Structures are given as structure tokens and as C-alpha cells.
Amino acid sequence: MSWTRLFADKWILDLTYLSPIESNVYIRLQLEMLRTSEPLLNNMKVLARYTGCTVKTFVKALDVLLSIGHVTRLRRWAFVESASLKKIK
């Protein structure tokens, strides 16, 4: 696994007002994107299993994360994060 930067202070602020389930989903999705260095596939069943949630619970948490701007369904991550990862490597 390649080395990546993790800004704990930003994560703490991002997680402040989230429920434990929403925090779990957010952290696991972020870590998976860092691990793979690419956006996640939009497959609710796979992502729910990865986060340890039922599909219904995952979708509810994802809706909250989308509504507050912590997660986006666009491929924007690929441009923002890949540029950041290239600087690190």
C-alpha cells in the first residue's frame, strides 16, 4: 500500500455532526478511495457490504453525506485526489 497523507484535523471536523453510521460510511469510503487511488463504483450493494451496513442503512447514510457535501457522485474526486496523490508520489 502506498503512503498517503491523512489530515486528521479535517476528518475530525468532517465527522463532528455525523452519526456513528454516517461516520463509518464516510471514513470507509474515503479510505477505500485512498487505497485504490480512484473513484468508487456506484454499486450500492457492494459499497454497503464494504461498510458493513445493510443497503437500506447505507443509502440513508449516503443521502446525508451527499446532502451536506461530504460525498459527491460525480467523478470530480478523480481530478482532485489524483492530483494530490501525484504530488505525494
PDB file of N, CA and C in Angstrom:
ATOM      1  N   MET A   1       0.845  -1.178   0.000  1.00  0.00           N
ATOM      2  CA  MET A   1       0.000   0.000   0.000  1.00  0.00           C
ATOM      3  C   MET A   1       0.890   1.240   0.000  1.00  0.00           C
ATOM      4  N   SER A   2       0.585   2.153  -0.871  1.00  0.00           N
ATOM      5  CA  SER A   2       1.393   3.361  -0.955  1.00  0.00           C
ATOM      6  C   SER A   2       1.053   4.316   0.187  1.00  0.00           C
ATOM      7  N   TRP A   3       1.986   5.176   0.491  1.00  0.00           N
ATOM      8  CA  TRP A   3       1.816   6.157   1.543  1.00  0.00           C
ATOM      9  C   TRP A   3       0.896   7.267   1.073  1.00  0.00           C
ATOM     10  N   THR A   4      -0.031   7.683   1.910  1.00  0.00           N
ATOM     11  CA  THR A   4      -0.901   8.815   1.586  1.00  0.00           C
ATOM     12  C   THR A   4      -0.992   9.726   2.796  1.00  0.00           C
ATOM     13  N   ARG A   5      -1.285  10.981   2.544  1.00  0.00           N
ATOM     14  CA  ARG A   5      -1.452  11.934   3.639  1.00  0.00           C
ATOM     15  C   ARG A   5      -2.871  11.825   4.186  1.00  0.00           C
ATOM     16  N   LEU A   6      -2.970  11.924   5.487  1.00  0.00           N
ATOM     17  CA  LEU A   6      -4.262  11.890   6.154  1.00  0.00           C
ATOM     18  C   LEU A   6      -4.330  13.106   7.067  1.00  0.00           C
ATOM     19  N   PHE A   7      -5.240  13.999   6.798  1.00  0.00           N
ATOM     20  CA  PHE A   7      -5.381  15.209   7.590  1.00  0.00           C
ATOM     21  C   PHE A   7      -6.411  14.968   8.688  1.00  0.00           C
ATOM     22  N   ALA A   8      -5.930  14.555   9.857  1.00  0.00           N
ATOM     23  CA  ALA A   8      -6.817  14.191  10.961  1.00  0.00           C
ATOM     24  C   ALA A   8      -7.692  15.356  11.396  1.00  0.00           C
ATOM     25  N   ASP A   9      -7.153  16.565  11.408  1.00  0.00           N
ATOM     26  CA  ASP A   9      -7.953  17.708  11.844  1.00  0.00           C
ATOM     27  C   ASP A   9      -9.141  17.944  10.913  1.00  0.00           C
ATOM     28  N   LYS A  10      -8.953  17.745   9.617  1.00  0.00           N
ATOM     29  CA  LYS A  10     -10.059  17.892   8.666  1.00  0.00           C
ATOM     30  C   LYS A  10     -11.096  16.783   8.881  1.00  0.00           C
ATOM     31  N   TRP A  11     -10.623  15.555   9.095  1.00  0.00           N
ATOM     32  CA  TRP A  11     -11.548  14.442   9.312  1.00  0.00           C
ATOM     33  C   TRP A  11     -12.368  14.658  10.579  1.00  0.00           C
ATOM     34  N   ILE A  12     -11.727  15.142  11.636  1.00  0.00           N
ATOM     35  CA  ILE A  12     -12.452  15.379  12.887  1.00  0.00           C
ATOM     36  C   ILE A  12     -13.554  16.406  12.664  1.00  0.00           C
ATOM     37  N   LEU A  13     -13.235  17.476  11.943  1.00  0.00           N
ATOM     38  CA  LEU A  13     -14.255  18.484  11.640  1.00  0.00           C
ATOM     39  C   LEU A  13     -15.365  17.901  10.771  1.00  0.00           C
ATOM     40  N   ASP A  14     -14.997  17.093   9.780  1.00  0.00           N
ATOM     41  CA  ASP A  14     -15.998  16.476   8.903  1.00  0.00           C
ATOM     42  C   ASP A  14     -16.935  15.548   9.672  1.00  0.00           C
ATOM     43  N   LEU A  15     -16.419  14.894  10.701  1.00  0.00           N
ATOM     44  CA  LEU A  15     -17.194  13.887  11.427  1.00  0.00           C
ATOM     45  C   LEU A  15     -17.974  14.445  12.609  1.00  0.00           C
ATOM     46  N   THR A  16     -17.742  15.683  12.968  1.00  0.00           N
ATOM     47  CA  THR A  16     -18.301  16.263  14.190  1.00  0.00           C
ATOM     48  C   THR A  16     -19.803  16.057  14.330  1.00  0.00           C
ATOM     49  N   TYR A  17     -20.556  16.331  13.300  1.00  0.00           N
ATOM     50  CA  TYR A  17     -22.018  16.292  13.416  1.00  0.00           C
ATOM     51  C   TYR A  17     -22.642  15.065  12.756  1.00  0.00           C
ATOM     52  N   LEU A  18     -21.827  14.090  12.413  1.00  0.00           N
ATOM     53  CA  LEU A  18     -22.352  12.872  11.790  1.00  0.00           C
ATOM     54  C   LEU A  18     -22.680  11.831  12.849  1.00  0.00           C
ATOM     55  N   SER A  19     -23.649  10.984  12.544  1.00  0.00           N
ATOM     56  CA  SER A  19     -23.959   9.857  13.423  1.00  0.00           C
ATOM     57  C   SER A  19     -22.840   8.825  13.291  1.00  0.00           C
ATOM     58  N   PRO A  20     -22.771   7.863  14.203  1.00  0.00           N
ATOM     59  CA  PRO A  20     -21.747   6.818  14.085  1.00  0.00           C
ATOM     60  C   PRO A  20     -21.818   6.059  12.753  1.00  0.00           C
ATOM     61  N   ILE A  21     -23.013   5.791  12.266  1.00  0.00           N
ATOM     62  CA  ILE A  21     -23.151   5.068  10.994  1.00  0.00           C
ATOM     63  C   ILE A  21     -22.669   5.933   9.838  1.00  0.00           C
ATOM     64  N   GLU A  22     -23.055   7.203   9.828  1.00  0.00           N
ATOM     65  CA  GLU A  22     -22.607   8.113   8.769  1.00  0.00           C
ATOM     66  C   GLU A  22     -21.091   8.281   8.803  1.00  0.00           C
ATOM     67  N   SER A  23     -20.524   8.365  10.013  1.00  0.00           N
ATOM     68  CA  SER A  23     -19.065   8.468  10.154  1.00  0.00           C
ATOM     69  C   SER A  23     -18.374   7.230   9.603  1.00  0.00           C
ATOM     70  N   ASN A  24     -18.907   6.058   9.934  1.00  0.00           N
ATOM     71  CA  ASN A  24     -18.352   4.802   9.437  1.00  0.00           C
ATOM     72  C   ASN A  24     -18.349   4.777   7.915  1.00  0.00           C
ATOM     73  N   VAL A  25     -19.470   5.123   7.317  1.00  0.00           N
ATOM     74  CA  VAL A  25     -19.581   5.110   5.855  1.00  0.00           C
ATOM     75  C   VAL A  25     -18.595   6.104   5.250  1.00  0.00           C
ATOM     76  N   TYR A  26     -18.542   7.308   5.783  1.00  0.00           N
ATOM     77  CA  TYR A  26     -17.647   8.343   5.262  1.00  0.00           C
ATOM     78  C   TYR A  26     -16.182   7.901   5.333  1.00  0.00           C
ATOM     79  N   ILE A  27     -15.766   7.415   6.494  1.00  0.00           N
ATOM     80  CA  ILE A  27     -14.366   7.013   6.672  1.00  0.00           C
ATOM     81  C   ILE A  27     -14.010   5.842   5.769  1.00  0.00           C
ATOM     82  N   ARG A  28     -14.851   4.839   5.722  1.00  0.00           N
ATOM     83  CA  ARG A  28     -14.538   3.666   4.899  1.00  0.00           C
ATOM     84  C   ARG A  28     -14.496   3.993   3.406  1.00  0.00           C
ATOM     85  N   LEU A  29     -15.403   4.846   2.945  1.00  0.00           N
ATOM     86  CA  LEU A  29     -15.374   5.238   1.532  1.00  0.00           C
ATOM     87  C   LEU A  29     -14.114   6.045   1.225  1.00  0.00           C
ATOM     88  N   GLN A  30     -13.762   6.965   2.114  1.00  0.00           N
ATOM     89  CA  GLN A  30     -12.542   7.754   1.919  1.00  0.00           C
ATOM     90  C   GLN A  30     -11.305   6.855   1.893  1.00  0.00           C
ATOM     91  N   LEU A  31     -11.213   5.937   2.839  1.00  0.00           N
ATOM     92  CA  LEU A  31     -10.054   5.043   2.898  1.00  0.00           C
ATOM     93  C   LEU A  31      -9.971   4.137   1.676  1.00  0.00           C
ATOM     94  N   GLU A  32     -11.106   3.675   1.193  1.00  0.00           N
ATOM     95  CA  GLU A  32     -11.093   2.821   0.001  1.00  0.00           C
ATOM     96  C   GLU A  32     -10.630   3.606  -1.222  1.00  0.00           C
ATOM     97  N   MET A  33     -11.049   4.870  -1.342  1.00  0.00           N
ATOM     98  CA  MET A  33     -10.579   5.688  -2.469  1.00  0.00           C
ATOM     99  C   MET A  33      -9.082   5.953  -2.358  1.00  0.00           C
ATOM    100  N   LEU A  34      -8.594   6.177  -1.140  1.00  0.00           N
ATOM    101  CA  LEU A  34      -7.156   6.367  -0.957  1.00  0.00           C
ATOM    102  C   LEU A  34      -6.390   5.088  -1.294  1.00  0.00           C
ATOM    103  N   ARG A  35      -6.953   3.939  -0.893  1.00  0.00           N
ATOM    104  CA  ARG A  35      -6.287   2.657  -1.152  1.00  0.00           C
ATOM    105  C   ARG A  35      -6.185   2.365  -2.643  1.00  0.00           C
ATOM    106  N   THR A  36      -7.270   2.614  -3.367  1.00  0.00           N
ATOM    107  CA  THR A  36      -7.297   2.272  -4.789  1.00  0.00           C
ATOM    108  C   THR A  36      -6.819   3.403  -5.690  1.00  0.00           C
ATOM    109  N   SER A  37      -6.742   4.609  -5.141  1.00  0.00           N
ATOM    110  CA  SER A  37      -6.358   5.809  -5.912  1.00  0.00           C
ATOM    111  C   SER A  37      -7.289   6.064  -7.090  1.00  0.00           C
ATOM    112  N   GLU A  38      -8.550   5.753  -6.905  1.00  0.00           N
ATOM    113  CA  GLU A  38      -9.539   6.014  -7.946  1.00  0.00           C
ATOM    114  C   GLU A  38     -10.927   6.118  -7.329  1.00  0.00           C
ATOM    115  N   PRO A  39     -11.883   6.700  -8.080  1.00  0.00           N
ATOM    116  CA  PRO A  39     -13.258   6.796  -7.566  1.00  0.00           C
ATOM    117  C   PRO A  39     -13.874   5.412  -7.378  1.00  0.00           C
ATOM    118  N   LEU A  40     -14.867   5.345  -6.514  1.00  0.00           N
ATOM    119  CA  LEU A  40     -15.563   4.084  -6.266  1.00  0.00           C
ATOM    120  C   LEU A  40     -16.645   3.859  -7.312  1.00  0.00           C
ATOM    121  N   LEU A  41     -16.930   2.597  -7.573  1.00  0.00           N
ATOM    122  CA  LEU A  41     -18.040   2.264  -8.460  1.00  0.00           C
ATOM    123  C   LEU A  41     -19.348   2.581  -7.758  1.00  0.00           C
ATOM    124  N   ASN A  42     -20.346   2.958  -8.515  1.00  0.00           N
ATOM    125  CA  ASN A  42     -21.641   3.311  -7.948  1.00  0.00           C
ATOM    126  C   ASN A  42     -22.504   2.056  -7.824  1.00  0.00           C
ATOM    127  N   ASN A  43     -22.094   1.131  -6.963  1.00  0.00           N
ATOM    128  CA  ASN A  43     -22.811  -0.116  -6.737  1.00  0.00           C
ATOM    129  C   ASN A  43     -23.183  -0.178  -5.258  1.00  0.00           C
ATOM    130  N   MET A  44     -24.432   0.142  -4.960  1.00  0.00           N
ATOM    131  CA  MET A  44     -24.874   0.256  -3.572  1.00  0.00           C
ATOM    132  C   MET A  44     -24.690  -1.035  -2.782  1.00  0.00           C
ATOM    133  N   LYS A  45     -24.939  -2.163  -3.404  1.00  0.00           N
ATOM    134  CA  LYS A  45     -24.823  -3.442  -2.697  1.00  0.00           C
ATOM    135  C   LYS A  45     -23.377  -3.708  -2.283  1.00  0.00           C
ATOM    136  N   VAL A  46     -22.445  -3.480  -3.187  1.00  0.00           N
ATOM    137  CA  VAL A  46     -21.023  -3.698  -2.891  1.00  0.00           C
ATOM    138  C   VAL A  46     -20.539  -2.704  -1.837  1.00  0.00           C
ATOM    139  N   LEU A  47     -20.895  -1.436  -1.998  1.00  0.00           N
ATOM    140  CA  LEU A  47     -20.457  -0.419  -1.044  1.00  0.00           C
ATOM    141  C   LEU A  47     -21.070  -0.646   0.333  1.00  0.00           C
ATOM    142  N   ALA A  48     -22.323  -1.076   0.376  1.00  0.00           N
ATOM    143  CA  ALA A  48     -22.960  -1.378   1.658  1.00  0.00           C
ATOM    144  C   ALA A  48     -22.230  -2.518   2.360  1.00  0.00           C
ATOM    145  N   ARG A  49     -21.903  -3.545   1.623  1.00  0.00           N
ATOM    146  CA  ARG A  49     -21.172  -4.673   2.202  1.00  0.00           C
ATOM    147  C   ARG A  49     -19.801  -4.219   2.694  1.00  0.00           C
ATOM    148  N   TYR A  50     -19.127  -3.389   1.905  1.00  0.00           N
ATOM    149  CA  TYR A  50     -17.800  -2.896   2.280  1.00  0.00           C
ATOM    150  C   TYR A  50     -17.847  -2.104   3.589  1.00  0.00           C
ATOM    151  N   THR A  51     -18.922  -1.343   3.795  1.00  0.00           N
ATOM    152  CA  THR A  51     -19.033  -0.523   5.003  1.00  0.00           C
ATOM    153  C   THR A  51     -19.680  -1.267   6.170  1.00  0.00           C
ATOM    154  N   GLY A  52     -20.114  -2.500   5.932  1.00  0.00           N
ATOM    155  CA  GLY A  52     -20.712  -3.293   6.998  1.00  0.00           C
ATOM    156  C   GLY A  52     -22.146  -2.904   7.316  1.00  0.00           C
ATOM    157  N   CYS A  53     -22.814  -2.283   6.368  1.00  0.00           N
ATOM    158  CA  CYS A  53     -24.201  -1.831   6.555  1.00  0.00           C
ATOM    159  C   CYS A  53     -25.140  -2.608   5.644  1.00  0.00           C
ATOM    160  N   THR A  54     -26.413  -2.591   6.000  1.00  0.00           N
ATOM    161  CA  THR A  54     -27.406  -3.077   5.049  1.00  0.00           C
ATOM    162  C   THR A  54     -27.504  -2.040   3.937  1.00  0.00           C
ATOM    163  N   VAL A  55     -28.060  -2.437   2.816  1.00  0.00           N
ATOM    164  CA  VAL A  55     -28.205  -1.496   1.699  1.00  0.00           C
ATOM    165  C   VAL A  55     -29.075  -0.313   2.130  1.00  0.00           C
ATOM    166  N   LYS A  56     -30.152  -0.589   2.850  1.00  0.00           N
ATOM    167  CA  LYS A  56     -31.059   0.474   3.292  1.00  0.00           C
ATOM    168  C   LYS A  56     -30.333   1.472   4.202  1.00  0.00           C
ATOM    169  N   THR A  57     -29.572   0.969   5.160  1.00  0.00           N
ATOM    170  CA  THR A  57     -28.823   1.835   6.076  1.00  0.00           C
ATOM    171  C   THR A  57     -27.753   2.615   5.331  1.00  0.00           C
ATOM    172  N   PHE A  58     -27.059   1.940   4.412  1.00  0.00           N
ATOM    173  CA  PHE A  58     -26.019   2.604   3.626  1.00  0.00           C
ATOM    174  C   PHE A  58     -26.599   3.744   2.794  1.00  0.00           C
ATOM    175  N   VAL A  59     -27.720   3.491   2.131  1.00  0.00           N
ATOM    176  CA  VAL A  59     -28.343   4.513   1.278  1.00  0.00           C
ATOM    177  C   VAL A  59     -28.759   5.723   2.120  1.00  0.00           C
ATOM    178  N   LYS A  60     -29.308   5.487   3.318  1.00  0.00           N
ATOM    179  CA  LYS A  60     -29.682   6.602   4.196  1.00  0.00           C
ATOM    180  C   LYS A  60     -28.453   7.426   4.580  1.00  0.00           C
ATOM    181  N   ALA A  61     -27.386   6.742   4.977  1.00  0.00           N
ATOM    182  CA  ALA A  61     -26.154   7.451   5.356  1.00  0.00           C
ATOM    183  C   ALA A  61     -25.572   8.193   4.161  1.00  0.00           C
ATOM    184  N   LEU A  62     -25.580   7.560   3.002  1.00  0.00           N
ATOM    185  CA  LEU A  62     -25.056   8.197   1.793  1.00  0.00           C
ATOM    186  C   LEU A  62     -25.870   9.431   1.428  1.00  0.00           C
ATOM    187  N   ASP A  63     -27.180   9.360   1.581  1.00  0.00           N
ATOM    188  CA  ASP A  63     -28.031  10.525   1.305  1.00  0.00           C
ATOM    189  C   ASP A  63     -27.648  11.711   2.190  1.00  0.00           C
ATOM    190  N   VAL A  64     -27.372  11.440   3.465  1.00  0.00           N
ATOM    191  CA  VAL A  64     -26.947  12.514   4.371  1.00  0.00           C
ATOM    192  C   VAL A  64     -25.611  13.082   3.914  1.00  0.00           C
ATOM    193  N   LEU A  65     -24.655  12.206   3.609  1.00  0.00           N
ATOM    194  CA  LEU A  65     -23.326  12.655   3.179  1.00  0.00           C
ATOM    195  C   LEU A  65     -23.393  13.452   1.884  1.00  0.00           C
ATOM    196  N   LEU A  66     -24.267  13.048   0.979  1.00  0.00           N
ATOM    197  CA  LEU A  66     -24.460  13.795  -0.269  1.00  0.00           C
ATOM    198  C   LEU A  66     -25.082  15.162   0.007  1.00  0.00           C
ATOM    199  N   SER A  67     -26.070  15.200   0.896  1.00  0.00           N
ATOM    200  CA  SER A  67     -26.787  16.454   1.153  1.00  0.00           C
ATOM    201  C   SER A  67     -25.918  17.506   1.830  1.00  0.00           C
ATOM    202  N   ILE A  68     -24.927  17.078   2.619  1.00  0.00           N
ATOM    203  CA  ILE A  68     -24.059  18.053   3.289  1.00  0.00           C
ATOM    204  C   ILE A  68     -22.749  18.279   2.543  1.00  0.00           C
ATOM    205  N   GLY A  69     -22.588  17.611   1.417  1.00  0.00           N
ATOM    206  CA  GLY A  69     -21.432  17.864   0.564  1.00  0.00           C
ATOM    207  C   GLY A  69     -20.170  17.096   0.898  1.00  0.00           C
ATOM    208  N   HIS A  70     -20.246  16.109   1.790  1.00  0.00           N
ATOM    209  CA  HIS A  70     -19.065  15.301   2.110  1.00  0.00           C
ATOM    210  C   HIS A  70     -18.748  14.292   1.015  1.00  0.00           C
ATOM    211  N   VAL A  71     -19.758  13.912   0.247  1.00  0.00           N
ATOM    212  CA  VAL A  71     -19.601  12.924  -0.821  1.00  0.00           C
ATOM    213  C   VAL A  71     -20.275  13.475  -2.070  1.00  0.00           C
ATOM    214  N   THR A  72     -19.701  13.173  -3.223  1.00  0.00           N
ATOM    215  CA  THR A  72     -20.319  13.565  -4.484  1.00  0.00           C
ATOM    216  C   THR A  72     -20.330  12.365  -5.417  1.00  0.00           C
ATOM    217  N   ARG A  73     -21.356  12.261  -6.222  1.00  0.00           N
ATOM    218  CA  ARG A  73     -21.448  11.141  -7.155  1.00  0.00           C
ATOM    219  C   ARG A  73     -20.713  11.416  -8.456  1.00  0.00           C
ATOM    220  N   LEU A  74     -20.236  12.618  -8.624  1.00  0.00           N
ATOM    221  CA  LEU A  74     -19.504  12.955  -9.844  1.00  0.00           C
ATOM    222  C   LEU A  74     -18.112  12.349  -9.802  1.00  0.00           C
ATOM    223  N   ARG A  75     -17.433  12.337 -10.936  1.00  0.00           N
ATOM    224  CA  ARG A  75     -16.078  11.812 -10.986  1.00  0.00           C
ATOM    225  C   ARG A  75     -15.058  12.879 -10.590  1.00  0.00           C
ATOM    226  N   ARG A  76     -15.540  13.942  -9.953  1.00  0.00           N
ATOM    227  CA  ARG A  76     -14.674  15.035  -9.550  1.00  0.00           C
ATOM    228  C   ARG A  76     -13.517  14.554  -8.683  1.00  0.00           C
ATOM    229  N   TRP A  77     -13.763  13.567  -7.823  1.00  0.00           N
ATOM    230  CA  TRP A  77     -12.712  13.057  -6.941  1.00  0.00           C
ATOM    231  C   TRP A  77     -11.486  12.683  -7.740  1.00  0.00           C
ATOM    232  N   ALA A  78     -11.684  12.092  -8.893  1.00  0.00           N
ATOM    233  CA  ALA A  78     -10.557  11.629  -9.699  1.00  0.00           C
ATOM    234  C   ALA A  78      -9.599  12.771 -10.005  1.00  0.00           C
ATOM    235  N   PHE A  79     -10.126  13.946 -10.271  1.00  0.00           N
ATOM    236  CA  PHE A  79      -9.271  15.082 -10.594  1.00  0.00           C
ATOM    237  C   PHE A  79      -8.619  15.663  -9.341  1.00  0.00           C
ATOM    238  N   VAL A  80      -9.382  15.823  -8.285  1.00  0.00           N
ATOM    239  CA  VAL A  80      -8.874  16.446  -7.066  1.00  0.00           C
ATOM    240  C   VAL A  80      -7.889  15.537  -6.351  1.00  0.00           C
ATOM    241  N   GLU A  81      -8.299  14.314  -6.053  1.00  0.00           N
ATOM    242  CA  GLU A  81      -7.458  13.412  -5.284  1.00  0.00           C
ATOM    243  C   GLU A  81      -6.283  12.869  -6.079  1.00  0.00           C
ATOM    244  N   SER A  82      -6.469  12.574  -7.348  1.00  0.00           N
ATOM    245  CA  SER A  82      -5.347  12.032  -8.110  1.00  0.00           C
ATOM    246  C   SER A  82      -4.248  13.071  -8.239  1.00  0.00           C
ATOM    247  N   ALA A  83      -4.609  14.331  -8.355  1.00  0.00           N
ATOM    248  CA  ALA A  83      -3.594  15.390  -8.406  1.00  0.00           C
ATOM    249  C   ALA A  83      -2.845  15.451  -7.084  1.00  0.00           C
ATOM    250  N   SER A  84      -3.567  15.318  -5.988  1.00  0.00           N
ATOM    251  CA  SER A  84      -2.944  15.329  -4.668  1.00  0.00           C
ATOM    252  C   SER A  84      -2.028  14.127  -4.485  1.00  0.00           C
ATOM    253  N   LEU A  85      -2.476  12.952  -4.925  1.00  0.00           N
ATOM    254  CA  LEU A  85      -1.663  11.747  -4.793  1.00  0.00           C
ATOM    255  C   LEU A  85      -0.415  11.810  -5.662  1.00  0.00           C
ATOM    256  N   LYS A  86      -0.507  12.417  -6.838  1.00  0.00           N
ATOM    257  CA  LYS A  86       0.660  12.536  -7.713  1.00  0.00           C
ATOM    258  C   LYS A  86       1.732  13.402  -7.073  1.00  0.00           C
ATOM    259  N   LYS A  87       1.331  14.437  -6.339  1.00  0.00           N
ATOM    260  CA  LYS A  87       2.290  15.297  -5.652  1.00  0.00           C
ATOM    261  C   LYS A  87       3.040  14.521  -4.577  1.00  0.00           C
ATOM    262  N   ILE A  88       2.342  13.594  -3.921  1.00  0.00           N
ATOM    263  CA  ILE A  88       2.940  12.807  -2.843  1.00  0.00           C
ATOM    264  C   ILE A  88       3.950  11.819  -3.393  1.00  0.00           C
ATOM    265  N   LYS A  89       3.610  11.176  -4.521  1.00  0.00           N
ATOM    266  CA  LYS A  89       4.464  10.139  -5.098  1.00  0.00           C
ATOM    267  C   LYS A  89       5.644  10.776  -5.719  1.00  0.00           C
TER     268      LYS A  89
END
